[in-house]
Amino acid sequence: MKIFLVRHATPDWTRKDIPYDIPPGPELTPKGEREAEELAAFLKSRSVVKLYHSPLERAAGTARIAAALNVIPCVEEPRLAEWRLREEGEPQVRERMKAVFDETFREALEAGAIGLVSHGGPIEVLLQELGIDPRELAACRTRFDTTNPLPPAGAWELERDGKENSWGLKLVFIPSRG
């Protein structure tokens, strides 16, 4: 049983006329669309059967492209939204992300691998909740844009360890297109 935490592909960072954290937010660039296509091939190779995504356009667009290319369901999940810094603290982000994760875990036990397309900050909070080694997280945060724990269209694989009831957490996909 696996769950993939996916960060949205590259949005139009130049858009200053719309808020970044409130829907719709900036849309994908052509580079982001190519990243989403590459992500689709990766998700297919991992037999992902369904995608849930944040309501922000950059995450929704990433998920729609990947789902269409794989002919799998794509469902909006508001709790996967970007961190609203003016309204939320870390405990609120952790609570909503963990709730989605717990529900998805139960679904994945029966349905198969599922992807959650969200944003760097909320993904980082969930990785911390699931017990990521702080040194691994710190190494990732220095490697990618704006201290995110994964690049645009990157994916973490979360696999349940049956013996210890813990999670194996691995950064497994980084798009190569630019």
Protein backbone atom coordinates (compact mmCIF):
# COMPACT_ATOMS: atom_id res chain seq x y z
CA MET A 1 0.00 0.00 0.00
CA LYS A 2 1.46 3.32 -1.09
CA ILE A 3 0.51 6.95 -1.04
CA PHE A 4 2.35 9.56 -3.08
CA LEU A 5 2.64 13.14 -1.83
CA VAL A 6 3.01 15.28 -4.94
CA ARG A 7 3.81 18.96 -5.15
CA HIS A 8 2.11 20.89 -7.95
CA ALA A 9 4.09 21.58 -11.13
CA THR A 10 5.61 25.00 -11.91
CA PRO A 11 3.05 27.82 -11.84
CA ASP A 12 3.30 31.30 -13.29
CA TRP A 13 5.28 32.93 -10.46
CA THR A 14 5.11 36.28 -12.28
CA ARG A 15 1.39 36.68 -11.56
CA LYS A 16 1.18 39.35 -8.87
CA ASP A 17 -2.44 40.25 -9.60
CA ILE A 18 -3.94 37.21 -7.83
CA PRO A 19 -3.28 35.86 -4.31
CA TYR A 20 -0.97 32.86 -4.18
CA ASP A 21 -2.83 31.03 -1.39
CA ILE A 22 -6.48 31.68 -2.33
CA PRO A 23 -8.18 29.90 -5.27
CA PRO A 24 -7.69 30.08 -8.11
CA GLY A 25 -4.05 31.15 -7.58
CA PRO A 26 -1.60 31.15 -10.49
CA GLU A 27 -1.99 28.62 -13.29
CA LEU A 28 0.71 26.31 -14.70
CA THR A 29 3.28 27.54 -17.17
CA PRO A 30 4.15 25.52 -20.28
CA LYS A 31 7.12 24.19 -18.27
CA GLY A 32 4.69 23.13 -15.53
CA GLU A 33 2.51 21.34 -18.07
CA ARG A 34 5.55 19.38 -19.31
CA GLU A 35 6.46 18.52 -15.69
CA ALA A 36 2.90 17.26 -15.11
CA GLU A 37 3.19 15.04 -18.20
CA GLU A 38 6.44 13.59 -16.88
CA LEU A 39 4.80 13.09 -13.48
CA ALA A 40 1.97 11.22 -15.22
CA ALA A 41 4.42 8.68 -16.65
CA PHE A 42 5.98 8.21 -13.21
CA LEU A 43 2.61 7.72 -11.51
CA LYS A 44 1.62 5.19 -14.17
CA SER A 45 4.83 3.24 -13.48
CA ARG A 46 3.78 3.09 -9.80
CA SER A 47 0.20 1.96 -10.61
CA VAL A 48 -1.48 4.97 -9.03
CA VAL A 49 -5.26 4.49 -9.37
CA LYS A 50 -6.59 7.87 -8.20
CA LEU A 51 -5.49 11.44 -7.56
CA TYR A 52 -6.79 13.95 -5.04
CA HIS A 53 -5.78 17.59 -5.46
CA SER A 54 -5.84 21.00 -3.85
CA PRO A 55 -8.43 23.47 -5.20
CA LEU A 56 -5.72 25.88 -6.34
CA GLU A 57 -5.27 25.91 -10.11
CA ARG A 58 -1.57 24.92 -10.10
CA ALA A 59 -2.37 21.71 -8.19
CA ALA A 60 -5.64 21.05 -10.01
CA GLY A 61 -3.93 21.52 -13.38
CA THR A 62 -1.11 19.17 -12.41
CA ALA A 63 -3.59 16.51 -11.29
CA ARG A 64 -5.87 16.92 -14.33
CA ILE A 65 -2.97 16.42 -16.75
CA ALA A 66 -1.61 13.39 -14.88
CA ALA A 67 -5.07 11.83 -14.43
CA ALA A 68 -6.08 12.36 -18.07
CA LEU A 69 -2.90 10.76 -19.37
CA ASN A 70 -3.45 7.77 -17.05
CA VAL A 71 -7.25 7.61 -17.41
CA ILE A 72 -7.77 7.63 -13.64
CA PRO A 73 -10.13 9.64 -11.39
CA CYS A 74 -9.09 13.10 -10.25
CA VAL A 75 -10.95 14.57 -7.25
CA GLU A 76 -10.71 18.01 -5.66
CA GLU A 77 -9.97 17.87 -1.92
CA PRO A 78 -10.10 21.34 -0.25
CA ARG A 79 -8.01 20.21 2.74
CA LEU A 80 -4.99 19.77 0.44
CA ALA A 81 -4.92 23.55 -0.16
CA GLU A 82 -1.92 25.79 0.24
CA TRP A 83 -1.03 27.02 3.73
CA ARG A 84 -2.96 30.24 4.38
CA LEU A 85 -0.33 32.04 6.40
CA ARG A 86 -2.64 34.85 7.49
CA GLU A 87 -5.29 32.41 8.76
CA GLU A 88 -3.58 29.15 9.75
CA GLY A 89 -0.83 28.03 12.04
CA GLU A 90 1.07 24.77 11.77
CA PRO A 91 -1.39 22.87 14.03
CA GLN A 92 -4.31 23.62 11.70
CA VAL A 93 -2.36 22.61 8.58
CA ARG A 94 -1.20 19.41 10.31
CA GLU A 95 -4.76 18.55 11.37
CA ARG A 96 -6.29 18.94 7.90
CA MET A 97 -3.44 17.21 6.08
CA LYS A 98 -3.41 14.31 8.56
CA ALA A 99 -7.18 13.89 8.21
CA VAL A 100 -6.91 13.61 4.42
CA PHE A 101 -3.97 11.24 4.77
CA ASP A 102 -5.81 8.96 7.22
CA GLU A 103 -8.86 8.77 4.96
CA THR A 104 -6.69 8.14 1.90
CA PHE A 105 -4.77 5.43 3.75
CA ARG A 106 -7.98 3.50 4.38
CA GLU A 107 -9.02 3.91 0.76
CA ALA A 108 -5.61 2.84 -0.57
CA LEU A 109 -5.74 -0.37 1.45
CA GLU A 110 -8.60 -1.49 -0.80
CA ALA A 111 -8.13 0.45 -4.03
CA GLY A 112 -4.36 0.63 -4.51
CA ALA A 113 -1.81 3.47 -4.73
CA ILE A 114 -3.21 6.99 -4.46
CA GLY A 115 -1.63 10.39 -5.12
CA LEU A 116 -2.25 13.58 -3.15
CA VAL A 117 -1.36 16.73 -5.13
CA SER A 118 -0.74 19.60 -2.73
CA HIS A 119 1.86 22.27 -1.90
CA GLY A 120 5.33 22.33 -0.36
CA GLY A 121 4.44 23.72 3.07
CA PRO A 122 1.52 21.38 3.81
CA ILE A 123 3.51 18.40 2.49
CA GLU A 124 6.39 19.27 4.81
CA VAL A 125 4.06 19.44 7.83
CA LEU A 126 2.63 16.00 6.98
CA LEU A 127 6.09 14.49 6.48
CA GLN A 128 7.04 15.78 9.95
CA GLU A 129 3.86 14.28 11.41
CA LEU A 130 4.73 10.91 9.85
CA GLY A 131 8.20 10.90 11.37
CA ILE A 132 10.61 12.04 8.67
CA ASP A 133 14.22 12.25 9.82
CA PRO A 134 14.81 15.99 10.39
CA ARG A 135 18.25 15.71 8.74
CA GLU A 136 16.70 14.32 5.55
CA LEU A 137 14.12 17.09 5.53
CA ALA A 138 16.79 19.75 6.08
CA ALA A 139 18.82 18.36 3.17
CA CYS A 140 15.81 18.55 0.87
CA ARG A 141 14.92 22.08 1.96
CA THR A 142 18.34 23.35 0.89
CA ARG A 143 18.09 21.56 -2.45
CA PHE A 144 14.82 22.90 -3.87
CA ASP A 145 13.20 26.28 -4.51
CA THR A 146 12.03 28.41 -1.61
CA THR A 147 13.03 25.76 0.95
CA ASN A 148 10.38 23.26 -0.16
CA PRO A 149 10.87 19.56 0.68
CA LEU A 150 10.45 18.63 -3.00
CA PRO A 151 10.63 20.35 -6.38
CA PRO A 152 7.65 21.31 -8.55
CA ALA A 153 5.95 18.07 -9.71
CA GLY A 154 8.16 16.05 -7.35
CA ALA A 155 6.80 13.14 -5.34
CA TRP A 156 7.41 11.46 -2.00
CA GLU A 157 6.44 7.81 -1.66
CA LEU A 158 4.92 6.76 1.66
CA GLU A 159 4.81 3.05 2.29
CA ARG A 160 3.51 1.37 5.42
CA ASP A 161 5.96 -0.89 7.23
CA GLY A 162 3.83 -3.83 8.34
CA LYS A 163 6.21 -4.93 11.09
CA GLU A 164 6.57 -1.67 12.98
CA ASN A 165 3.43 0.16 11.83
CA SER A 166 5.65 3.05 10.76
CA TRP A 167 6.02 4.79 7.44
CA GLY A 168 8.86 4.47 4.95
CA LEU A 169 9.28 7.95 3.46
CA LYS A 170 11.29 8.39 0.26
CA LEU A 171 11.64 11.21 -2.24
CA VAL A 172 11.16 9.13 -5.39
CA PHE A 173 10.47 11.50 -8.26
CA ILE A 174 12.09 14.68 -9.51
CA PRO A 175 11.09 15.80 -13.02
CA SER A 176 13.91 16.25 -15.50
CA ARG A 177 12.23 18.56 -18.01
CA GLY A 178 12.92 22.21 -17.93
